[in-house]
Amino acid sequence: MSDPVHTVATRAVTLEGGARARRVRPYVLRVGDETLAVSSLGYRVGSRPGADLVLDDPEVSRLHFEILMDEHGYRLRDLGSTNGTVVDGARANDVYLRPGSRVVIGGTTLVFEPRGEEVDVPASPAASFGPLVGASVAVC
């Protein structure tokens, strides 16, 4: 079984004083010589301006894939890309990443690596957002 330190990406916690928060384990994506630190729950990669990581690669779709942090790990989901997403040598549509996973889209290779530290993200005090209503840390 995998080391839980590197598979649990996020969890709900109660901080001292009773405040609710989401504890996340950031990760890095290595693209060539560049290392990008990511601590957001969702991160989108594509060629379109406005993606979290914009790649100048003609074989990369406008929104190619996303990485979502959840209580099970780091979930990569292909977003209907034209040329597909390859993770560790196999075409992937929806997969949990492992430390050192290599993600290939078009002519670009990204290497995924979870970090060791955790960061607390306080829950929003709001009980609603537009028509959505909820008070659990999962929706805050």
N, C-alpha and C. Protein backbone atom coordinates (compact mmCIF):
# COMPACT_ATOMS: atom_id res chain seq x y z
N MET A 1 0.85 -1.18 0.00
CA MET A 1 0.00 0.00 0.00
C MET A 1 0.88 1.24 0.00
N SER A 2 0.40 2.32 -0.61
CA SER A 2 1.15 3.57 -0.69
C SER A 2 1.29 4.22 0.68
N ASP A 3 2.30 5.04 0.79
CA ASP A 3 2.52 5.83 1.99
C ASP A 3 1.39 6.85 2.09
N PRO A 4 0.57 6.82 3.18
CA PRO A 4 -0.57 7.74 3.28
C PRO A 4 -0.16 9.20 3.28
N VAL A 5 1.07 9.50 3.66
CA VAL A 5 1.53 10.89 3.63
C VAL A 5 1.47 11.43 2.22
N HIS A 6 1.64 10.56 1.23
CA HIS A 6 1.66 11.02 -0.15
C HIS A 6 0.39 10.70 -0.91
N THR A 7 -0.63 10.14 -0.27
CA THR A 7 -1.86 9.85 -0.99
C THR A 7 -3.04 10.68 -0.51
N VAL A 8 -3.08 11.08 0.75
CA VAL A 8 -4.17 11.92 1.24
C VAL A 8 -3.84 13.36 0.89
N ALA A 9 -4.62 13.92 -0.02
CA ALA A 9 -4.34 15.27 -0.50
C ALA A 9 -5.04 16.34 0.34
N THR A 10 -6.20 16.01 0.90
CA THR A 10 -6.96 17.00 1.64
C THR A 10 -7.87 16.31 2.65
N ARG A 11 -8.13 17.00 3.73
CA ARG A 11 -9.05 16.48 4.75
C ARG A 11 -9.60 17.63 5.56
N ALA A 12 -10.78 17.41 6.11
CA ALA A 12 -11.41 18.43 6.95
C ALA A 12 -10.82 18.33 8.35
N VAL A 13 -10.56 19.49 8.97
CA VAL A 13 -10.02 19.52 10.33
C VAL A 13 -10.71 20.62 11.12
N THR A 14 -10.62 20.50 12.44
CA THR A 14 -11.08 21.56 13.33
C THR A 14 -9.85 22.11 14.01
N LEU A 15 -9.64 23.40 13.86
CA LEU A 15 -8.47 24.05 14.43
C LEU A 15 -8.72 24.42 15.89
N GLU A 16 -7.66 24.79 16.58
CA GLU A 16 -7.79 25.24 17.95
C GLU A 16 -8.79 26.39 18.00
N GLY A 17 -9.70 26.36 18.94
CA GLY A 17 -10.74 27.38 19.05
C GLY A 17 -12.01 27.00 18.30
N GLY A 18 -12.00 25.84 17.62
CA GLY A 18 -13.20 25.35 16.97
C GLY A 18 -13.38 25.77 15.52
N ALA A 19 -12.46 26.56 14.97
CA ALA A 19 -12.61 26.98 13.58
C ALA A 19 -12.45 25.78 12.65
N ARG A 20 -13.24 25.74 11.60
CA ARG A 20 -13.16 24.67 10.62
C ARG A 20 -12.21 25.05 9.50
N ALA A 21 -11.52 24.04 8.96
CA ALA A 21 -10.58 24.29 7.87
C ALA A 21 -10.44 23.04 7.03
N ARG A 22 -9.85 23.20 5.89
CA ARG A 22 -9.46 22.09 5.03
C ARG A 22 -7.95 22.07 5.04
N ARG A 23 -7.39 20.92 5.38
CA ARG A 23 -5.93 20.76 5.40
C ARG A 23 -5.53 20.12 4.08
N VAL A 24 -4.68 20.80 3.32
CA VAL A 24 -4.26 20.30 2.02
C VAL A 24 -2.76 20.04 2.00
N ARG A 25 -2.37 19.07 1.19
CA ARG A 25 -0.96 18.75 0.98
C ARG A 25 -0.61 19.22 -0.44
N PRO A 26 0.11 20.34 -0.55
CA PRO A 26 0.45 20.87 -1.88
C PRO A 26 1.29 19.87 -2.69
N TYR A 27 1.44 20.17 -3.96
CA TYR A 27 2.27 19.34 -4.84
C TYR A 27 3.00 20.25 -5.81
N VAL A 28 3.96 19.67 -6.51
CA VAL A 28 4.65 20.41 -7.55
C VAL A 28 4.47 19.68 -8.87
N LEU A 29 4.45 20.46 -9.95
CA LEU A 29 4.50 19.94 -11.31
C LEU A 29 5.79 20.45 -11.92
N ARG A 30 6.58 19.53 -12.44
CA ARG A 30 7.81 19.91 -13.13
C ARG A 30 7.54 19.83 -14.63
N VAL A 31 7.82 20.93 -15.32
CA VAL A 31 7.65 21.01 -16.77
C VAL A 31 8.98 21.50 -17.31
N GLY A 32 9.77 20.61 -17.88
CA GLY A 32 11.11 20.98 -18.33
C GLY A 32 11.94 21.42 -17.13
N ASP A 33 12.51 22.62 -17.22
CA ASP A 33 13.33 23.16 -16.12
C ASP A 33 12.51 23.94 -15.10
N GLU A 34 11.21 24.07 -15.33
CA GLU A 34 10.35 24.87 -14.46
C GLU A 34 9.66 23.97 -13.43
N THR A 35 9.58 24.46 -12.18
CA THR A 35 8.86 23.76 -11.11
C THR A 35 7.75 24.67 -10.62
N LEU A 36 6.52 24.17 -10.67
CA LEU A 36 5.35 24.95 -10.28
C LEU A 36 4.76 24.39 -9.01
N ALA A 37 4.65 25.20 -7.96
CA ALA A 37 4.05 24.78 -6.70
C ALA A 37 2.54 25.01 -6.77
N VAL A 38 1.76 23.99 -6.39
CA VAL A 38 0.30 24.07 -6.46
C VAL A 38 -0.29 23.70 -5.11
N SER A 39 -1.18 24.56 -4.61
CA SER A 39 -1.87 24.26 -3.36
C SER A 39 -3.38 24.42 -3.48
N SER A 40 -3.89 24.68 -4.69
CA SER A 40 -5.33 24.83 -4.87
C SER A 40 -5.99 23.45 -5.04
N LEU A 41 -7.26 23.36 -4.65
CA LEU A 41 -7.98 22.09 -4.72
C LEU A 41 -8.19 21.61 -6.15
N GLY A 42 -8.24 22.54 -7.08
CA GLY A 42 -8.41 22.20 -8.50
C GLY A 42 -7.43 23.00 -9.33
N TYR A 43 -6.80 22.35 -10.33
CA TYR A 43 -5.78 22.99 -11.16
C TYR A 43 -5.96 22.50 -12.58
N ARG A 44 -6.19 23.44 -13.52
CA ARG A 44 -6.45 23.09 -14.92
C ARG A 44 -5.26 23.43 -15.80
N VAL A 45 -4.98 22.51 -16.72
CA VAL A 45 -3.86 22.65 -17.66
C VAL A 45 -4.41 22.61 -19.07
N GLY A 46 -3.93 23.54 -19.90
CA GLY A 46 -4.35 23.58 -21.30
C GLY A 46 -3.62 24.66 -22.06
N SER A 47 -4.05 24.88 -23.29
CA SER A 47 -3.40 25.89 -24.13
C SER A 47 -4.15 27.22 -24.11
N ARG A 48 -5.31 27.26 -23.51
CA ARG A 48 -6.14 28.47 -23.51
C ARG A 48 -5.70 29.44 -22.42
N PRO A 49 -5.64 30.73 -22.75
CA PRO A 49 -5.41 31.71 -21.70
C PRO A 49 -6.50 31.58 -20.64
N GLY A 50 -6.12 31.65 -19.39
CA GLY A 50 -7.09 31.48 -18.31
C GLY A 50 -6.96 30.12 -17.63
N ALA A 51 -6.31 29.16 -18.28
CA ALA A 51 -6.02 27.89 -17.60
C ALA A 51 -5.00 28.21 -16.51
N ASP A 52 -4.95 27.39 -15.47
CA ASP A 52 -3.98 27.64 -14.40
C ASP A 52 -2.54 27.50 -14.92
N LEU A 53 -2.33 26.53 -15.80
CA LEU A 53 -1.04 26.37 -16.47
C LEU A 53 -1.32 26.40 -17.96
N VAL A 54 -0.80 27.41 -18.66
CA VAL A 54 -1.00 27.56 -20.09
C VAL A 54 0.24 27.03 -20.80
N LEU A 55 0.03 26.04 -21.68
CA LEU A 55 1.14 25.45 -22.42
C LEU A 55 1.07 25.86 -23.88
N ASP A 56 2.20 26.25 -24.44
CA ASP A 56 2.29 26.62 -25.85
C ASP A 56 2.71 25.37 -26.62
N ASP A 57 1.75 24.50 -26.85
CA ASP A 57 1.97 23.22 -27.53
C ASP A 57 0.76 23.00 -28.41
N PRO A 58 0.93 22.93 -29.74
CA PRO A 58 -0.22 22.80 -30.64
C PRO A 58 -1.02 21.51 -30.46
N GLU A 59 -0.46 20.51 -29.78
CA GLU A 59 -1.16 19.25 -29.57
C GLU A 59 -1.92 19.21 -28.23
N VAL A 60 -1.87 20.32 -27.48
CA VAL A 60 -2.56 20.41 -26.20
C VAL A 60 -3.90 21.11 -26.41
N SER A 61 -4.96 20.51 -25.92
CA SER A 61 -6.30 21.09 -26.04
C SER A 61 -6.43 22.34 -25.18
N ARG A 62 -7.44 23.15 -25.49
CA ARG A 62 -7.63 24.41 -24.77
C ARG A 62 -7.74 24.16 -23.26
N LEU A 63 -8.57 23.25 -22.83
CA LEU A 63 -8.58 22.77 -21.45
C LEU A 63 -8.35 21.27 -21.55
N HIS A 64 -7.14 20.83 -21.25
CA HIS A 64 -6.73 19.46 -21.52
C HIS A 64 -7.05 18.52 -20.34
N PHE A 65 -6.57 18.87 -19.15
CA PHE A 65 -6.85 18.05 -17.97
C PHE A 65 -6.88 18.92 -16.74
N GLU A 66 -7.39 18.33 -15.65
CA GLU A 66 -7.37 18.99 -14.36
C GLU A 66 -6.89 18.00 -13.30
N ILE A 67 -6.30 18.56 -12.25
CA ILE A 67 -5.93 17.76 -11.08
C ILE A 67 -6.76 18.28 -9.92
N LEU A 68 -7.48 17.36 -9.28
CA LEU A 68 -8.34 17.69 -8.15
C LEU A 68 -7.78 17.01 -6.91
N MET A 69 -7.71 17.74 -5.80
CA MET A 69 -7.30 17.14 -4.53
C MET A 69 -8.55 16.68 -3.81
N ASP A 70 -8.53 15.45 -3.30
CA ASP A 70 -9.64 14.98 -2.47
C ASP A 70 -9.11 14.07 -1.38
N GLU A 71 -10.02 13.49 -0.62
CA GLU A 71 -9.61 12.67 0.52
C GLU A 71 -8.94 11.37 0.09
N HIS A 72 -9.01 11.02 -1.20
CA HIS A 72 -8.39 9.80 -1.69
C HIS A 72 -7.03 10.05 -2.33
N GLY A 73 -6.73 11.31 -2.67
CA GLY A 73 -5.45 11.62 -3.29
C GLY A 73 -5.56 12.73 -4.31
N TYR A 74 -4.76 12.62 -5.34
CA TYR A 74 -4.65 13.63 -6.39
C TYR A 74 -5.22 13.01 -7.66
N ARG A 75 -6.39 13.46 -8.04
CA ARG A 75 -7.14 12.86 -9.14
C ARG A 75 -6.94 13.67 -10.42
N LEU A 76 -6.41 13.03 -11.45
CA LEU A 76 -6.27 13.67 -12.76
C LEU A 76 -7.44 13.23 -13.62
N ARG A 77 -8.12 14.21 -14.21
CA ARG A 77 -9.24 13.94 -15.13
C ARG A 77 -8.98 14.62 -16.46
N ASP A 78 -8.98 13.83 -17.54
CA ASP A 78 -8.90 14.38 -18.88
C ASP A 78 -10.22 15.12 -19.13
N LEU A 79 -10.14 16.30 -19.72
CA LEU A 79 -11.35 17.12 -19.92
C LEU A 79 -11.86 17.04 -21.36
N GLY A 80 -11.79 15.83 -21.93
CA GLY A 80 -12.28 15.65 -23.29
C GLY A 80 -11.28 16.11 -24.33
N SER A 81 -10.01 16.02 -24.02
CA SER A 81 -8.96 16.49 -24.92
C SER A 81 -9.00 15.72 -26.24
N THR A 82 -8.51 16.36 -27.29
CA THR A 82 -8.49 15.74 -28.61
C THR A 82 -7.44 14.64 -28.70
N ASN A 83 -6.25 14.87 -28.16
CA ASN A 83 -5.13 13.94 -28.32
C ASN A 83 -4.89 13.05 -27.10
N GLY A 84 -5.68 13.21 -26.05
CA GLY A 84 -5.57 12.34 -24.89
C GLY A 84 -4.48 12.73 -23.91
N THR A 85 -4.52 12.05 -22.77
CA THR A 85 -3.56 12.26 -21.68
C THR A 85 -2.96 10.91 -21.34
N VAL A 86 -1.63 10.84 -21.27
CA VAL A 86 -0.94 9.60 -20.95
C VAL A 86 -0.29 9.76 -19.58
N VAL A 87 -0.61 8.85 -18.67
CA VAL A 87 -0.04 8.87 -17.32
C VAL A 87 0.75 7.59 -17.11
N ASP A 88 2.03 7.74 -16.83
CA ASP A 88 2.92 6.59 -16.59
C ASP A 88 2.82 5.55 -17.71
N GLY A 89 2.75 6.04 -18.95
CA GLY A 89 2.78 5.15 -20.11
C GLY A 89 1.44 4.63 -20.58
N ALA A 90 0.35 4.92 -19.88
CA ALA A 90 -0.97 4.43 -20.28
C ALA A 90 -1.93 5.60 -20.48
N ARG A 91 -2.75 5.51 -21.50
CA ARG A 91 -3.75 6.55 -21.73
C ARG A 91 -4.71 6.56 -20.55
N ALA A 92 -4.99 7.76 -20.04
CA ALA A 92 -5.81 7.87 -18.83
C ALA A 92 -6.93 8.87 -19.05
N ASN A 93 -8.08 8.54 -18.50
CA ASN A 93 -9.23 9.42 -18.55
C ASN A 93 -9.50 10.00 -17.17
N ASP A 94 -9.34 9.16 -16.14
CA ASP A 94 -9.62 9.54 -14.76
C ASP A 94 -8.78 8.62 -13.88
N VAL A 95 -7.75 9.18 -13.24
CA VAL A 95 -6.79 8.34 -12.51
C VAL A 95 -6.22 9.11 -11.33
N TYR A 96 -5.86 8.39 -10.27
CA TYR A 96 -5.17 9.00 -9.15
C TYR A 96 -3.67 8.93 -9.40
N LEU A 97 -3.00 10.06 -9.24
CA LEU A 97 -1.56 10.14 -9.48
C LEU A 97 -0.76 9.60 -8.32
N ARG A 98 0.41 9.07 -8.61
CA ARG A 98 1.35 8.60 -7.61
C ARG A 98 2.54 9.55 -7.59
N PRO A 99 3.30 9.56 -6.50
CA PRO A 99 4.53 10.37 -6.49
C PRO A 99 5.42 9.96 -7.67
N GLY A 100 5.86 10.96 -8.43
CA GLY A 100 6.72 10.70 -9.58
C GLY A 100 5.98 10.39 -10.86
N SER A 101 4.64 10.42 -10.86
CA SER A 101 3.88 10.14 -12.08
C SER A 101 4.31 11.10 -13.18
N ARG A 102 4.45 10.53 -14.39
CA ARG A 102 4.77 11.32 -15.58
C ARG A 102 3.51 11.46 -16.42
N VAL A 103 3.14 12.70 -16.70
CA VAL A 103 1.93 12.99 -17.47
C VAL A 103 2.39 13.57 -18.81
N VAL A 104 1.98 12.93 -19.90
CA VAL A 104 2.36 13.40 -21.24
C VAL A 104 1.11 13.86 -21.97
N ILE A 105 1.15 15.12 -22.43
CA ILE A 105 0.09 15.66 -23.28
C ILE A 105 0.78 16.33 -24.46
N GLY A 106 0.40 15.93 -25.66
CA GLY A 106 1.08 16.44 -26.85
C GLY A 106 2.57 16.15 -26.75
N GLY A 107 3.38 17.17 -26.96
CA GLY A 107 4.84 17.02 -26.86
C GLY A 107 5.38 17.47 -25.52
N THR A 108 4.51 17.61 -24.52
CA THR A 108 4.90 18.13 -23.20
C THR A 108 4.81 17.03 -22.15
N THR A 109 5.85 16.93 -21.32
CA THR A 109 5.85 15.99 -20.20
C THR A 109 5.87 16.77 -18.90
N LEU A 110 4.98 16.41 -17.99
CA LEU A 110 4.92 16.99 -16.65
C LEU A 110 5.19 15.89 -15.65
N VAL A 111 5.92 16.20 -14.58
CA VAL A 111 6.18 15.23 -13.52
C VAL A 111 5.50 15.73 -12.26
N PHE A 112 4.70 14.85 -11.65
CA PHE A 112 3.92 15.17 -10.46
C PHE A 112 4.66 14.70 -9.21
N GLU A 113 4.72 15.56 -8.19
CA GLU A 113 5.36 15.20 -6.92
C GLU A 113 4.66 15.87 -5.76
N PRO A 114 4.01 15.09 -4.85
CA PRO A 114 3.40 15.71 -3.67
C PRO A 114 4.47 16.22 -2.73
N ARG A 115 4.15 17.26 -1.99
CA ARG A 115 5.08 17.83 -1.01
C ARG A 115 4.83 17.17 0.34
N GLY A 116 5.75 17.35 1.26
CA GLY A 116 5.61 16.74 2.57
C GLY A 116 4.77 17.54 3.55
N GLU A 117 4.76 18.86 3.41
CA GLU A 117 4.05 19.70 4.40
C GLU A 117 2.56 19.81 4.07
N GLU A 118 1.80 20.20 5.07
CA GLU A 118 0.37 20.45 4.90
C GLU A 118 0.10 21.93 5.16
N VAL A 119 -0.95 22.45 4.54
CA VAL A 119 -1.35 23.84 4.69
C VAL A 119 -2.83 23.86 5.07
N ASP A 120 -3.19 24.69 6.07
CA ASP A 120 -4.59 24.82 6.47
C ASP A 120 -5.24 25.95 5.69
N VAL A 121 -6.37 25.65 5.08
CA VAL A 121 -7.16 26.65 4.35
C VAL A 121 -8.45 26.82 5.13
N PRO A 122 -8.65 27.98 5.79
CA PRO A 122 -9.86 28.18 6.59
C PRO A 122 -11.12 28.06 5.75
N ALA A 123 -12.15 27.48 6.32
CA ALA A 123 -13.44 27.37 5.65
C ALA A 123 -14.08 28.75 5.60
N SER A 124 -14.86 28.96 4.58
CA SER A 124 -15.58 30.22 4.46
C SER A 124 -16.64 30.31 5.57
N PRO A 125 -16.83 31.49 6.17
CA PRO A 125 -17.88 31.63 7.17
C PRO A 125 -19.27 31.70 6.54
N ALA A 126 -19.34 31.89 5.22
CA ALA A 126 -20.63 31.99 4.54
C ALA A 126 -21.33 30.63 4.52
N ALA A 127 -22.63 30.64 4.71
CA ALA A 127 -23.41 29.41 4.68
C ALA A 127 -24.04 29.17 3.32
N SER A 128 -23.84 30.12 2.38
CA SER A 128 -24.39 29.93 1.05
C SER A 128 -23.52 30.65 0.02
N PHE A 129 -23.64 30.19 -1.20
CA PHE A 129 -22.97 30.82 -2.33
C PHE A 129 -23.95 30.76 -3.48
N GLY A 130 -24.57 31.89 -3.81
CA GLY A 130 -25.62 31.90 -4.81
C GLY A 130 -26.75 30.99 -4.34
N PRO A 131 -27.19 30.06 -5.20
CA PRO A 131 -28.28 29.16 -4.82
C PRO A 131 -27.81 27.97 -3.97
N LEU A 132 -26.49 27.80 -3.80
CA LEU A 132 -25.97 26.68 -3.02
C LEU A 132 -25.98 27.02 -1.53
N VAL A 133 -26.39 26.05 -0.73
CA VAL A 133 -26.42 26.24 0.71
C VAL A 133 -25.73 25.06 1.35
N GLY A 134 -24.82 25.33 2.30
CA GLY A 134 -24.13 24.24 2.98
C GLY A 134 -23.23 24.79 4.06
N ALA A 135 -22.98 23.97 5.07
CA ALA A 135 -22.14 24.43 6.17
C ALA A 135 -21.00 23.46 6.46
N SER A 136 -20.88 22.35 5.72
CA SER A 136 -19.78 21.43 5.99
C SER A 136 -18.51 21.95 5.34
N VAL A 137 -17.37 21.52 5.84
CA VAL A 137 -16.08 21.96 5.30
C VAL A 137 -15.96 21.53 3.85
N ALA A 138 -16.57 20.42 3.48
CA ALA A 138 -16.49 19.94 2.10
C ALA A 138 -17.05 20.95 1.11
N VAL A 139 -18.03 21.75 1.50
CA VAL A 139 -18.59 22.74 0.58
C VAL A 139 -18.15 24.15 0.91
N CYS A 140 -17.42 24.32 1.98
CA CYS A 140 -16.96 25.66 2.36
C CYS A 140 -15.55 25.84 1.92
